[in-house]
Amino acid sequence: MRPNKDCTGCTLCHSRQNVVYPDGDPDSPVAFVGEAPGRKEDEIGKPFQGASGKVLDKLLEEEEVPRSSIFITNTVKCRPPQNRDPTEDEMAACLPCLEEELKDRRLIVTLGRTAARDLLHRQVHLAKDANMITKVTIRGKEIDLVVAYHPAASFYNPKVKESLRETIRITRAYLEGHGNVSSTGI
């Protein structure tokens, strides 16, 4: 299931330029989920293309994880006005598409508080929850989930990059078939 380019499932359709479709390997065991497209993503139609995407790409490269080896998407497929957080109604409109994208993954990495909240259905505290592995149920299947900082957070706090490096190391383990390290519930 994928929204069509003329999707009108929520009010975000009124302000977007493009529906932002997933990028990367559609068969990857690992999916990175951001909260919503930004200005650059809205222009191009692909997730993580702006400044946050550059940070993510650099960290992936440094940790020797090709961006092409992971699947990258967002909780909503259209940019919220003024880069505000997506509303619950907007996220609910895209949830069937997101669940379809995630249902066969071994690991989901949520980039940012909003993406984690949408999938876990509760608030998270990044300072204590980052890089903790928990389970989430997507369409009846339990999948490992790692809460991670959004790459944009590294603009304001350089320590976030080290946390994201650890996230990418966890990702690499799953890509190499060494995933399912002992899960720690959050």
Protein backbone atom coordinates (compact mmCIF):
# COMPACT_ATOMS: atom_id res chain seq x y z
CA MET A 1 0.00 0.00 0.00
CA ARG A 2 1.40 3.32 -1.03
CA PRO A 3 -0.31 6.70 -1.18
CA ASN A 4 -0.78 7.99 -4.70
CA LYS A 5 0.76 11.30 -5.71
CA ASP A 6 -2.69 12.90 -5.43
CA CYS A 7 -3.39 11.57 -1.91
CA THR A 8 -5.97 13.60 0.04
CA GLY A 9 -6.05 11.40 3.15
CA CYS A 10 -5.37 14.36 5.48
CA THR A 11 -4.99 18.14 5.41
CA LEU A 12 -1.25 17.94 4.64
CA CYS A 13 -2.22 17.51 0.98
CA HIS A 14 -3.08 21.22 0.83
CA SER A 15 0.44 22.47 1.52
CA ARG A 16 2.78 19.83 0.10
CA GLN A 17 4.70 19.89 -3.16
CA ASN A 18 5.28 16.13 -3.32
CA VAL A 19 4.30 12.97 -1.51
CA VAL A 20 7.62 11.77 -0.05
CA TYR A 21 7.98 8.09 -0.82
CA PRO A 22 10.45 5.75 0.93
CA ASP A 23 14.03 5.42 -0.24
CA GLY A 24 16.65 2.70 -0.06
CA ASP A 25 16.37 -1.06 -0.19
CA PRO A 26 12.70 -2.12 -0.09
CA ASP A 27 13.79 -5.62 1.01
CA SER A 28 16.15 -4.51 3.78
CA PRO A 29 15.64 -6.11 7.19
CA VAL A 30 16.17 -2.63 8.70
CA ALA A 31 13.93 0.43 8.35
CA PHE A 32 14.73 3.95 9.55
CA VAL A 33 11.57 5.97 10.29
CA GLY A 34 11.66 9.75 10.58
CA GLU A 35 8.78 11.89 11.74
CA ALA A 36 7.95 13.94 8.63
CA PRO A 37 9.51 15.36 5.49
CA GLY A 38 11.15 18.76 5.62
CA ARG A 39 11.43 21.46 2.95
CA LYS A 40 14.14 19.73 0.89
CA GLU A 41 12.38 16.37 1.08
CA ASP A 42 9.12 18.01 -0.05
CA GLU A 43 10.94 19.51 -3.05
CA ILE A 44 12.71 16.28 -4.06
CA GLY A 45 10.18 13.66 -2.96
CA LYS A 46 12.66 11.48 -0.98
CA PRO A 47 13.27 11.26 2.80
CA PHE A 48 16.34 12.68 4.55
CA GLN A 49 17.69 14.86 1.73
CA GLY A 50 18.36 18.10 3.63
CA ALA A 51 20.79 18.95 6.42
CA SER A 52 19.57 16.06 8.61
CA GLY A 53 20.05 13.68 5.70
CA LYS A 54 23.63 14.88 5.27
CA VAL A 55 24.34 14.11 8.94
CA LEU A 56 22.73 10.69 8.61
CA ASP A 57 24.63 9.93 5.38
CA LYS A 58 27.96 10.92 6.94
CA LEU A 59 27.40 8.76 10.02
CA LEU A 60 26.29 5.81 7.90
CA GLU A 61 29.41 6.19 5.76
CA GLU A 62 31.71 6.48 8.79
CA GLU A 63 30.20 3.32 10.27
CA GLU A 64 30.41 1.53 6.89
CA VAL A 65 26.68 1.04 6.45
CA PRO A 66 25.64 1.93 2.89
CA ARG A 67 22.49 4.05 2.83
CA SER A 68 21.34 1.82 -0.02
CA SER A 69 21.30 -1.16 2.37
CA ILE A 70 18.54 0.26 4.58
CA PHE A 71 14.95 1.32 3.99
CA ILE A 72 14.13 4.93 4.92
CA THR A 73 10.64 6.38 5.37
CA ASN A 74 8.61 8.77 7.54
CA THR A 75 5.54 8.45 9.75
CA VAL A 76 3.75 10.86 7.40
CA LYS A 77 4.43 11.19 3.70
CA CYS A 78 3.79 14.93 3.33
CA ARG A 79 5.49 17.94 4.90
CA PRO A 80 3.60 19.64 7.73
CA PRO A 81 3.42 23.43 7.33
CA GLN A 82 6.30 25.34 8.97
CA ASN A 83 7.93 21.98 9.82
CA ARG A 84 5.61 21.51 12.78
CA ASP A 85 5.16 18.03 14.27
CA PRO A 86 2.54 15.95 12.50
CA THR A 87 -0.77 15.71 14.34
CA GLU A 88 -2.24 12.45 15.57
CA ASP A 89 -4.86 12.60 12.80
CA GLU A 90 -2.18 13.12 10.14
CA MET A 91 -0.14 10.21 11.48
CA ALA A 92 -3.25 8.02 11.66
CA ALA A 93 -3.99 8.77 7.98
CA CYS A 94 -0.55 7.45 6.96
CA LEU A 95 -0.39 4.59 9.50
CA PRO A 96 -1.71 1.89 7.13
CA CYS A 97 1.02 2.76 4.61
CA LEU A 98 3.67 2.85 7.34
CA GLU A 99 2.59 -0.49 8.76
CA GLU A 100 2.73 -2.03 5.29
CA GLU A 101 6.26 -0.67 4.83
CA LEU A 102 7.42 -2.02 8.21
CA LYS A 103 5.59 -5.34 8.60
CA ASP A 104 8.42 -7.60 7.36
CA ARG A 105 11.43 -5.84 8.94
CA ARG A 106 13.65 -7.31 11.64
CA LEU A 107 14.59 -3.89 13.07
CA ILE A 108 12.88 -0.52 13.05
CA VAL A 109 14.94 2.54 14.00
CA THR A 110 12.81 5.53 14.96
CA LEU A 111 14.62 8.81 14.31
CA GLY A 112 13.20 11.29 16.77
CA ARG A 113 10.61 11.42 19.52
CA THR A 114 7.56 11.76 17.24
CA ALA A 115 8.35 8.65 15.18
CA ALA A 116 8.94 6.64 18.36
CA ARG A 117 5.71 7.91 19.93
CA ASP A 118 3.73 7.04 16.81
CA LEU A 119 4.94 3.44 16.72
CA LEU A 120 5.12 2.75 20.46
CA HIS A 121 1.86 4.62 21.26
CA ARG A 122 3.43 6.33 24.26
CA GLN A 123 5.83 9.11 25.12
CA VAL A 124 9.58 8.40 25.05
CA HIS A 125 12.48 10.16 26.77
CA LEU A 126 15.39 10.13 24.35
CA ALA A 127 18.04 10.76 27.01
CA LYS A 128 17.18 7.46 28.69
CA ASP A 129 15.52 5.46 25.89
CA ALA A 130 17.98 5.99 23.02
CA ASN A 131 19.49 2.74 21.71
CA MET A 132 17.37 0.54 23.93
CA ILE A 133 15.91 -2.37 22.00
CA THR A 134 12.25 -3.11 22.58
CA LYS A 135 9.50 -4.88 20.67
CA VAL A 136 6.67 -3.38 18.69
CA THR A 137 3.81 -5.28 17.10
CA ILE A 138 3.11 -4.46 13.48
CA ARG A 139 0.21 -6.32 11.91
CA GLY A 140 0.47 -9.13 14.43
CA LYS A 141 4.24 -9.59 14.14
CA GLU A 142 6.73 -8.61 16.86
CA ILE A 143 9.62 -6.55 15.49
CA ASP A 144 12.64 -5.14 17.32
CA LEU A 145 12.60 -1.37 17.60
CA VAL A 146 15.38 1.03 18.58
CA VAL A 147 14.56 4.57 19.65
CA ALA A 148 17.16 7.00 18.30
CA TYR A 149 17.74 10.72 18.22
CA HIS A 150 16.78 12.57 15.07
CA PRO A 151 19.95 13.65 13.20
CA ALA A 152 18.82 17.29 13.50
CA ALA A 153 19.32 17.07 17.27
CA SER A 154 23.08 16.87 16.62
CA PHE A 155 22.98 20.49 15.41
CA TYR A 156 22.35 21.56 19.00
CA ASN A 157 24.04 18.81 20.98
CA PRO A 158 27.26 17.24 19.66
CA LYS A 159 26.85 14.25 22.04
CA VAL A 160 23.88 13.14 19.95
CA LYS A 161 26.25 12.04 17.16
CA GLU A 162 27.83 9.45 19.44
CA SER A 163 24.40 8.10 20.31
CA LEU A 164 23.53 7.94 16.59
CA ARG A 165 26.82 6.12 15.90
CA GLU A 166 25.75 3.47 18.40
CA THR A 167 22.35 3.29 16.66
CA ILE A 168 24.10 2.64 13.35
CA ARG A 169 26.31 -0.04 14.94
CA ILE A 170 23.13 -1.79 16.10
CA THR A 171 21.79 -1.43 12.56
CA ARG A 172 24.94 -2.99 11.11
CA ALA A 173 24.57 -6.00 13.43
CA TYR A 174 21.05 -6.60 12.09
CA LEU A 175 22.19 -6.18 8.49
CA GLU A 176 24.96 -8.70 9.09
CA GLY A 177 22.52 -11.17 10.63
CA HIS A 178 23.72 -10.69 14.21
CA GLY A 179 20.63 -8.78 15.35
CA ASN A 180 18.29 -9.71 18.16
CA VAL A 181 20.84 -8.91 20.79
CA SER A 182 19.17 -9.19 24.16
CA SER A 183 16.19 -6.88 24.12
CA THR A 184 15.79 -4.33 26.83
CA GLY A 185 12.23 -3.13 27.26
CA ILE A 186 11.60 0.59 27.52
